[in-house]
Amino acid sequence: MCIGIPVQIIQSGEFVSLCRSRNGEERINMMLTGAQPEGTWLLAFLGSAREIISEEDARNINKALDGLSAIMSQEEDFKVADYFPGLADT
């Protein structure tokens, strides 16, 4: 299984862009999305940008990834609503 990670372009390139993510800086292949301006948020899988996303989507995805980390580390005070807004309401 592959999990998409939100990244933000900090230095744009035609084929590869330098991006910042929750894991630090990394070079992302831009062949599937085409060149994008600095500041653009992308969803990257295994070092390749697959989709242009909004800043709000990036924030929500990062929150969900934080929730997965909390589950894996067995945090005692874990609350679904803290990491997955709207999910606890269904």
N, C-alpha and C. Protein backbone atom coordinates (compact mmCIF):
# COMPACT_ATOMS: atom_id res chain seq x y z
N MET A 1 0.84 -1.17 0.00
CA MET A 1 0.00 0.00 0.00
C MET A 1 0.89 1.24 0.00
N CYS A 2 0.44 2.24 -0.69
CA CYS A 2 1.18 3.49 -0.82
C CYS A 2 0.32 4.62 -0.26
N ILE A 3 0.90 5.46 0.57
CA ILE A 3 0.17 6.57 1.18
C ILE A 3 0.66 7.88 0.58
N GLY A 4 -0.27 8.71 0.15
CA GLY A 4 0.08 10.02 -0.39
C GLY A 4 0.43 10.98 0.72
N ILE A 5 1.46 11.77 0.48
CA ILE A 5 1.94 12.75 1.45
C ILE A 5 1.81 14.14 0.83
N PRO A 6 1.17 15.09 1.52
CA PRO A 6 1.11 16.45 1.00
C PRO A 6 2.50 17.10 1.01
N VAL A 7 2.84 17.75 -0.08
CA VAL A 7 4.10 18.48 -0.19
C VAL A 7 3.81 19.85 -0.78
N GLN A 8 4.61 20.83 -0.42
CA GLN A 8 4.45 22.18 -0.96
C GLN A 8 5.72 22.55 -1.72
N ILE A 9 5.54 23.05 -2.92
CA ILE A 9 6.69 23.41 -3.76
C ILE A 9 7.38 24.64 -3.18
N ILE A 10 8.70 24.51 -2.98
CA ILE A 10 9.48 25.66 -2.52
C ILE A 10 10.45 26.14 -3.61
N GLN A 11 10.73 25.28 -4.58
CA GLN A 11 11.54 25.66 -5.73
C GLN A 11 11.02 24.88 -6.93
N SER A 12 10.38 25.58 -7.83
CA SER A 12 9.71 24.94 -8.97
C SER A 12 10.70 24.58 -10.07
N GLY A 13 10.45 23.43 -10.69
CA GLY A 13 11.23 23.01 -11.83
C GLY A 13 10.32 22.38 -12.87
N GLU A 14 10.80 22.28 -14.10
CA GLU A 14 9.96 21.73 -15.17
C GLU A 14 9.64 20.26 -14.95
N PHE A 15 10.64 19.48 -14.55
CA PHE A 15 10.44 18.04 -14.37
C PHE A 15 10.55 17.58 -12.92
N VAL A 16 11.30 18.34 -12.12
CA VAL A 16 11.50 18.01 -10.71
C VAL A 16 11.43 19.31 -9.91
N SER A 17 10.71 19.27 -8.79
CA SER A 17 10.61 20.44 -7.92
C SER A 17 11.09 20.08 -6.52
N LEU A 18 11.71 21.05 -5.86
CA LEU A 18 12.09 20.88 -4.46
C LEU A 18 10.86 21.22 -3.63
N CYS A 19 10.48 20.30 -2.76
CA CYS A 19 9.25 20.47 -1.97
C CYS A 19 9.53 20.25 -0.50
N ARG A 20 8.64 20.81 0.32
CA ARG A 20 8.70 20.63 1.77
C ARG A 20 7.50 19.80 2.18
N SER A 21 7.76 18.80 3.03
CA SER A 21 6.68 17.95 3.52
C SER A 21 6.86 17.75 5.02
N ARG A 22 6.01 16.96 5.60
CA ARG A 22 6.10 16.63 7.02
C ARG A 22 7.42 15.93 7.35
N ASN A 23 8.07 15.39 6.33
CA ASN A 23 9.32 14.66 6.52
C ASN A 23 10.55 15.46 6.11
N GLY A 24 10.38 16.76 5.87
CA GLY A 24 11.50 17.61 5.46
C GLY A 24 11.44 17.93 3.98
N GLU A 25 12.57 18.28 3.41
CA GLU A 25 12.62 18.63 1.99
C GLU A 25 12.93 17.41 1.15
N GLU A 26 12.33 17.38 -0.05
CA GLU A 26 12.62 16.29 -0.98
C GLU A 26 12.34 16.75 -2.40
N ARG A 27 12.99 16.11 -3.33
CA ARG A 27 12.77 16.39 -4.75
C ARG A 27 11.62 15.52 -5.23
N ILE A 28 10.65 16.15 -5.91
CA ILE A 28 9.45 15.46 -6.36
C ILE A 28 9.38 15.52 -7.89
N ASN A 29 9.12 14.38 -8.50
CA ASN A 29 8.95 14.26 -9.94
C ASN A 29 7.63 14.92 -10.32
N MET A 30 7.67 15.81 -11.31
CA MET A 30 6.49 16.58 -11.71
C MET A 30 5.90 16.12 -13.05
N MET A 31 6.32 14.99 -13.55
CA MET A 31 5.90 14.54 -14.88
C MET A 31 4.39 14.35 -15.02
N LEU A 32 3.69 13.95 -13.96
CA LEU A 32 2.25 13.69 -14.06
C LEU A 32 1.40 14.95 -13.91
N THR A 33 1.91 15.96 -13.22
CA THR A 33 1.13 17.18 -13.01
C THR A 33 1.61 18.33 -13.87
N GLY A 34 2.81 18.22 -14.39
CA GLY A 34 3.41 19.35 -15.10
C GLY A 34 3.98 20.34 -14.11
N ALA A 35 4.76 21.27 -14.61
CA ALA A 35 5.37 22.28 -13.74
C ALA A 35 4.29 23.10 -13.05
N GLN A 36 4.52 23.42 -11.80
CA GLN A 36 3.58 24.21 -10.99
C GLN A 36 4.35 25.32 -10.29
N PRO A 37 3.68 26.43 -9.96
CA PRO A 37 4.37 27.53 -9.29
C PRO A 37 4.72 27.21 -7.84
N GLU A 38 5.70 27.93 -7.33
CA GLU A 38 6.07 27.80 -5.92
C GLU A 38 4.86 28.10 -5.04
N GLY A 39 4.75 27.37 -3.95
CA GLY A 39 3.63 27.54 -3.02
C GLY A 39 2.50 26.55 -3.28
N THR A 40 2.51 25.90 -4.44
CA THR A 40 1.45 24.94 -4.78
C THR A 40 1.57 23.70 -3.90
N TRP A 41 0.41 23.21 -3.45
CA TRP A 41 0.35 21.97 -2.69
C TRP A 41 0.07 20.81 -3.63
N LEU A 42 0.77 19.71 -3.40
CA LEU A 42 0.62 18.50 -4.21
C LEU A 42 0.44 17.30 -3.31
N LEU A 43 -0.17 16.26 -3.84
CA LEU A 43 -0.22 14.98 -3.15
C LEU A 43 0.79 14.09 -3.86
N ALA A 44 1.83 13.66 -3.13
CA ALA A 44 2.93 12.90 -3.72
C ALA A 44 2.92 11.46 -3.21
N PHE A 45 3.17 10.56 -4.12
CA PHE A 45 3.27 9.13 -3.83
C PHE A 45 4.62 8.65 -4.31
N LEU A 46 5.43 8.11 -3.41
CA LEU A 46 6.73 7.55 -3.77
C LEU A 46 7.57 8.50 -4.62
N GLY A 47 7.60 9.78 -4.22
CA GLY A 47 8.45 10.75 -4.89
C GLY A 47 7.90 11.35 -6.16
N SER A 48 6.64 11.07 -6.49
CA SER A 48 6.03 11.64 -7.70
C SER A 48 4.74 12.37 -7.33
N ALA A 49 4.59 13.58 -7.86
CA ALA A 49 3.35 14.34 -7.66
C ALA A 49 2.26 13.69 -8.50
N ARG A 50 1.13 13.40 -7.89
CA ARG A 50 0.01 12.77 -8.60
C ARG A 50 -1.18 13.69 -8.74
N GLU A 51 -1.28 14.70 -7.84
CA GLU A 51 -2.48 15.54 -7.83
C GLU A 51 -2.16 16.88 -7.21
N ILE A 52 -2.76 17.94 -7.73
CA ILE A 52 -2.68 19.26 -7.13
C ILE A 52 -3.82 19.34 -6.12
N ILE A 53 -3.50 19.76 -4.90
CA ILE A 53 -4.51 19.83 -3.85
C ILE A 53 -4.52 21.22 -3.22
N SER A 54 -5.59 21.50 -2.48
CA SER A 54 -5.70 22.79 -1.79
C SER A 54 -4.92 22.73 -0.48
N GLU A 55 -4.66 23.92 0.07
CA GLU A 55 -3.98 23.99 1.37
C GLU A 55 -4.84 23.32 2.45
N GLU A 56 -6.16 23.49 2.36
CA GLU A 56 -7.06 22.86 3.33
C GLU A 56 -6.99 21.33 3.24
N ASP A 57 -6.96 20.80 2.02
CA ASP A 57 -6.82 19.35 1.85
C ASP A 57 -5.49 18.87 2.43
N ALA A 58 -4.43 19.63 2.18
CA ALA A 58 -3.11 19.26 2.72
C ALA A 58 -3.16 19.21 4.25
N ARG A 59 -3.80 20.20 4.85
CA ARG A 59 -3.91 20.26 6.32
C ARG A 59 -4.70 19.05 6.84
N ASN A 60 -5.82 18.73 6.18
CA ASN A 60 -6.64 17.59 6.62
C ASN A 60 -5.93 16.25 6.44
N ILE A 61 -5.21 16.10 5.35
CA ILE A 61 -4.46 14.86 5.13
C ILE A 61 -3.36 14.72 6.17
N ASN A 62 -2.65 15.81 6.44
CA ASN A 62 -1.60 15.75 7.47
C ASN A 62 -2.19 15.42 8.84
N LYS A 63 -3.37 15.95 9.13
CA LYS A 63 -4.03 15.66 10.40
C LYS A 63 -4.37 14.16 10.48
N ALA A 64 -4.86 13.60 9.37
CA ALA A 64 -5.18 12.17 9.33
C ALA A 64 -3.91 11.33 9.49
N LEU A 65 -2.81 11.76 8.87
CA LEU A 65 -1.55 11.04 9.03
C LEU A 65 -1.06 11.10 10.48
N ASP A 66 -1.28 12.25 11.14
CA ASP A 66 -0.95 12.36 12.57
C ASP A 66 -1.80 11.38 13.37
N GLY A 67 -3.07 11.24 12.98
CA GLY A 67 -3.96 10.28 13.65
C GLY A 67 -3.49 8.85 13.49
N LEU A 68 -3.05 8.49 12.29
CA LEU A 68 -2.52 7.14 12.07
C LEU A 68 -1.29 6.89 12.95
N SER A 69 -0.43 7.91 13.06
CA SER A 69 0.75 7.78 13.93
C SER A 69 0.34 7.59 15.38
N ALA A 70 -0.69 8.34 15.81
CA ALA A 70 -1.18 8.23 17.19
C ALA A 70 -1.74 6.83 17.44
N ILE A 71 -2.46 6.29 16.48
CA ILE A 71 -3.00 4.94 16.63
C ILE A 71 -1.86 3.92 16.73
N MET A 72 -0.88 4.07 15.85
CA MET A 72 0.23 3.10 15.83
C MET A 72 1.07 3.17 17.11
N SER A 73 1.16 4.36 17.71
CA SER A 73 1.93 4.48 18.95
C SER A 73 1.06 4.24 20.17
N GLN A 74 -0.20 3.89 19.95
CA GLN A 74 -1.15 3.54 21.00
C GLN A 74 -1.31 4.63 22.05
N GLU A 75 -1.48 5.87 21.57
CA GLU A 75 -1.72 6.98 22.48
C GLU A 75 -2.97 6.71 23.30
N GLU A 76 -2.87 6.90 24.58
CA GLU A 76 -3.98 6.58 25.48
C GLU A 76 -5.16 7.53 25.35
N ASP A 77 -4.89 8.79 25.07
CA ASP A 77 -5.98 9.77 25.00
C ASP A 77 -6.43 10.04 23.57
N PHE A 78 -6.25 9.07 22.68
CA PHE A 78 -6.62 9.21 21.26
C PHE A 78 -8.12 9.42 21.11
N LYS A 79 -8.49 10.46 20.35
CA LYS A 79 -9.89 10.74 20.05
C LYS A 79 -10.02 10.88 18.54
N VAL A 80 -10.88 10.08 17.95
CA VAL A 80 -11.06 10.08 16.50
C VAL A 80 -11.32 11.49 15.98
N ALA A 81 -12.18 12.25 16.64
CA ALA A 81 -12.56 13.58 16.18
C ALA A 81 -11.38 14.55 16.12
N ASP A 82 -10.34 14.32 16.93
CA ASP A 82 -9.17 15.20 16.92
C ASP A 82 -8.39 15.09 15.61
N TYR A 83 -8.41 13.94 14.99
CA TYR A 83 -7.59 13.69 13.81
C TYR A 83 -8.39 13.50 12.52
N PHE A 84 -9.63 13.07 12.66
CA PHE A 84 -10.47 12.77 11.50
C PHE A 84 -11.78 13.55 11.63
N PRO A 85 -11.74 14.88 11.42
CA PRO A 85 -12.96 15.68 11.58
C PRO A 85 -14.07 15.17 10.67
N GLY A 86 -15.24 15.10 11.19
CA GLY A 86 -16.40 14.65 10.42
C GLY A 86 -16.62 13.15 10.47
N LEU A 87 -15.58 12.39 10.66
CA LEU A 87 -15.70 10.93 10.69
C LEU A 87 -16.44 10.47 11.94
N ALA A 88 -16.17 11.11 13.05
CA ALA A 88 -16.80 10.72 14.31
C ALA A 88 -18.27 11.08 14.32
N ASP A 89 -18.71 11.97 13.44
CA ASP A 89 -20.11 12.39 13.40
C ASP A 89 -20.99 11.43 12.61
N THR A 90 -20.37 10.50 11.86
CA THR A 90 -21.16 9.61 11.00
C THR A 90 -21.53 8.34 11.70
